[in-house]
Amino acid sequence: MILRPHGQTVQIIQDGKVIYTIDLDNSDDRTIVTEYQGSKNVIRIQEHQIYMEDAECPDHICVKMGVLKSSASPIVCLPNKLIIRYTDNENTDA
């Protein structure tokens, strides 16, 4: 199994555009709500981990994926064109 890369910097990408870059090591617990064509995704950062808490999509596969653990397995919500993945980028919005 491939573990997360150096550090805990993640990107939240929607429709091909990076909308958040977050350093989980330095981020407080919080909720991020994104919207795509009227459908919402609720992303939760808790105890320096990130996961999809809720989603307005038909199958909820993104919610069932649980906590982001590996750079090889991003959290993806295809209907809402949303990806949460680890990155080596050091620039953050956290």
C-alpha atoms as a PDB file:
ATOM      1  CA  MET A   1       0.000   0.000   0.000  1.00  0.00           C
ATOM      2  CA  ILE A   2       1.263   3.471  -0.896  1.00  0.00           C
ATOM      3  CA  LEU A   3       1.100   5.853   2.047  1.00  0.00           C
ATOM      4  CA  ARG A   4       0.558   9.586   1.896  1.00  0.00           C
ATOM      5  CA  PRO A   5       3.464  11.670   0.554  1.00  0.00           C
ATOM      6  CA  HIS A   6       5.746  13.817   2.684  1.00  0.00           C
ATOM      7  CA  GLY A   7       3.607  16.099   4.822  1.00  0.00           C
ATOM      8  CA  GLN A   8      -0.155  16.259   4.690  1.00  0.00           C
ATOM      9  CA  THR A   9      -0.911  18.838   2.021  1.00  0.00           C
ATOM     10  CA  VAL A  10      -4.127  18.101   0.151  1.00  0.00           C
ATOM     11  CA  GLN A  11      -5.878  19.709  -2.782  1.00  0.00           C
ATOM     12  CA  ILE A  12      -9.603  19.929  -3.310  1.00  0.00           C
ATOM     13  CA  ILE A  13     -10.222  20.120  -7.050  1.00  0.00           C
ATOM     14  CA  GLN A  14     -13.578  20.810  -8.669  1.00  0.00           C
ATOM     15  CA  ASP A  15     -14.199  20.668 -12.413  1.00  0.00           C
ATOM     16  CA  GLY A  16     -10.438  20.652 -13.047  1.00  0.00           C
ATOM     17  CA  LYS A  17      -9.646  23.704 -10.881  1.00  0.00           C
ATOM     18  CA  VAL A  18      -7.898  23.665  -7.498  1.00  0.00           C
ATOM     19  CA  ILE A  19     -10.322  25.386  -5.126  1.00  0.00           C
ATOM     20  CA  TYR A  20      -8.456  24.655  -1.860  1.00  0.00           C
ATOM     21  CA  THR A  21      -4.928  23.654  -0.910  1.00  0.00           C
ATOM     22  CA  ILE A  22      -4.762  22.697   2.757  1.00  0.00           C
ATOM     23  CA  ASP A  23      -1.942  21.604   5.060  1.00  0.00           C
ATOM     24  CA  LEU A  24      -3.732  19.132   7.332  1.00  0.00           C
ATOM     25  CA  ASP A  25      -0.879  19.279   9.874  1.00  0.00           C
ATOM     26  CA  ASN A  26      -1.657  22.977  10.497  1.00  0.00           C
ATOM     27  CA  SER A  27      -5.403  23.057   9.852  1.00  0.00           C
ATOM     28  CA  ASP A  28      -8.044  23.383  12.539  1.00  0.00           C
ATOM     29  CA  ASP A  29     -11.105  21.140  12.478  1.00  0.00           C
ATOM     30  CA  ARG A  30     -13.602  22.603  10.026  1.00  0.00           C
ATOM     31  CA  THR A  31     -16.254  21.883   7.435  1.00  0.00           C
ATOM     32  CA  ILE A  32     -16.002  22.941   3.797  1.00  0.00           C
ATOM     33  CA  VAL A  33     -19.093  22.991   1.584  1.00  0.00           C
ATOM     34  CA  THR A  34     -18.667  22.981  -2.185  1.00  0.00           C
ATOM     35  CA  GLU A  35     -21.391  23.262  -4.792  1.00  0.00           C
ATOM     36  CA  TYR A  36     -21.515  22.099  -8.400  1.00  0.00           C
ATOM     37  CA  GLN A  37     -24.575  22.726 -10.561  1.00  0.00           C
ATOM     38  CA  GLY A  38     -26.858  22.848  -7.513  1.00  0.00           C
ATOM     39  CA  SER A  39     -25.422  19.767  -5.756  1.00  0.00           C
ATOM     40  CA  LYS A  40     -23.385  20.093  -2.555  1.00  0.00           C
ATOM     41  CA  ASN A  41     -20.493  18.160  -1.084  1.00  0.00           C
ATOM     42  CA  VAL A  42     -19.640  18.498   2.610  1.00  0.00           C
ATOM     43  CA  ILE A  43     -15.946  17.938   3.318  1.00  0.00           C
ATOM     44  CA  ARG A  44     -14.791  17.529   6.904  1.00  0.00           C
ATOM     45  CA  ILE A  45     -11.334  18.144   8.335  1.00  0.00           C
ATOM     46  CA  GLN A  46     -11.053  16.578  11.763  1.00  0.00           C
ATOM     47  CA  GLU A  47      -7.986  15.689  13.825  1.00  0.00           C
ATOM     48  CA  HIS A  48      -5.687  16.420  10.841  1.00  0.00           C
ATOM     49  CA  GLN A  49      -7.591  14.064   8.529  1.00  0.00           C
ATOM     50  CA  ILE A  50      -9.968  14.821   5.660  1.00  0.00           C
ATOM     51  CA  TYR A  51     -13.031  12.972   4.401  1.00  0.00           C
ATOM     52  CA  MET A  52     -16.311  13.488   2.556  1.00  0.00           C
ATOM     53  CA  GLU A  53     -18.956  13.826   5.253  1.00  0.00           C
ATOM     54  CA  ASP A  54     -21.968  14.116   2.937  1.00  0.00           C
ATOM     55  CA  ALA A  55     -22.739  14.509  -0.753  1.00  0.00           C
ATOM     56  CA  GLU A  56     -25.741  15.257  -2.918  1.00  0.00           C
ATOM     57  CA  CYS A  57     -24.962  12.611  -5.521  1.00  0.00           C
ATOM     58  CA  PRO A  58     -26.808   9.411  -6.443  1.00  0.00           C
ATOM     59  CA  ASP A  59     -24.382   6.756  -5.180  1.00  0.00           C
ATOM     60  CA  HIS A  60     -22.426   8.316  -2.251  1.00  0.00           C
ATOM     61  CA  ILE A  61     -19.281   6.369  -3.188  1.00  0.00           C
ATOM     62  CA  CYS A  62     -17.223   9.411  -2.177  1.00  0.00           C
ATOM     63  CA  VAL A  63     -18.713   9.321   1.335  1.00  0.00           C
ATOM     64  CA  LYS A  64     -18.123   5.576   1.629  1.00  0.00           C
ATOM     65  CA  MET A  65     -14.418   6.026   0.792  1.00  0.00           C
ATOM     66  CA  GLY A  66     -13.799   7.328   4.315  1.00  0.00           C
ATOM     67  CA  VAL A  67     -10.670   9.215   5.362  1.00  0.00           C
ATOM     68  CA  LEU A  68      -8.103  10.104   2.693  1.00  0.00           C
ATOM     69  CA  LYS A  69      -5.244   7.710   3.436  1.00  0.00           C
ATOM     70  CA  SER A  70      -3.128   7.330   0.329  1.00  0.00           C
ATOM     71  CA  SER A  71      -1.808   9.383  -2.535  1.00  0.00           C
ATOM     72  CA  ALA A  72      -2.778   6.438  -4.754  1.00  0.00           C
ATOM     73  CA  SER A  73      -6.457   6.563  -3.724  1.00  0.00           C
ATOM     74  CA  PRO A  74      -7.977  10.062  -3.928  1.00  0.00           C
ATOM     75  CA  ILE A  75     -11.541  10.697  -2.820  1.00  0.00           C
ATOM     76  CA  VAL A  76     -13.601  11.253  -5.966  1.00  0.00           C
ATOM     77  CA  CYS A  77     -17.195  12.379  -6.523  1.00  0.00           C
ATOM     78  CA  LEU A  78     -17.713  11.913 -10.259  1.00  0.00           C
ATOM     79  CA  PRO A  79     -21.222  13.451 -10.488  1.00  0.00           C
ATOM     80  CA  ASN A  80     -20.021  16.655  -8.789  1.00  0.00           C
ATOM     81  CA  LYS A  81     -16.581  16.640 -10.493  1.00  0.00           C
ATOM     82  CA  LEU A  82     -14.787  16.807  -7.128  1.00  0.00           C
ATOM     83  CA  ILE A  83     -11.433  15.270  -6.172  1.00  0.00           C
ATOM     84  CA  ILE A  84      -9.610  15.348  -2.831  1.00  0.00           C
ATOM     85  CA  ARG A  85      -5.982  14.235  -3.117  1.00  0.00           C
ATOM     86  CA  TYR A  86      -2.569  14.518  -1.505  1.00  0.00           C
ATOM     87  CA  THR A  87      -0.028  16.784  -3.176  1.00  0.00           C
ATOM     88  CA  ASP A  88       3.579  17.748  -2.598  1.00  0.00           C
ATOM     89  CA  ASN A  89       2.693  21.440  -3.092  1.00  0.00           C
ATOM     90  CA  GLU A  90       3.821  23.536  -0.131  1.00  0.00           C
ATOM     91  CA  ASN A  91       1.526  26.556  -0.797  1.00  0.00           C
ATOM     92  CA  THR A  92      -1.573  26.399   1.413  1.00  0.00           C
ATOM     93  CA  ASP A  93      -4.806  28.249   2.145  1.00  0.00           C
ATOM     94  CA  ALA A  94      -5.237  26.629   5.550  1.00  0.00           C
END
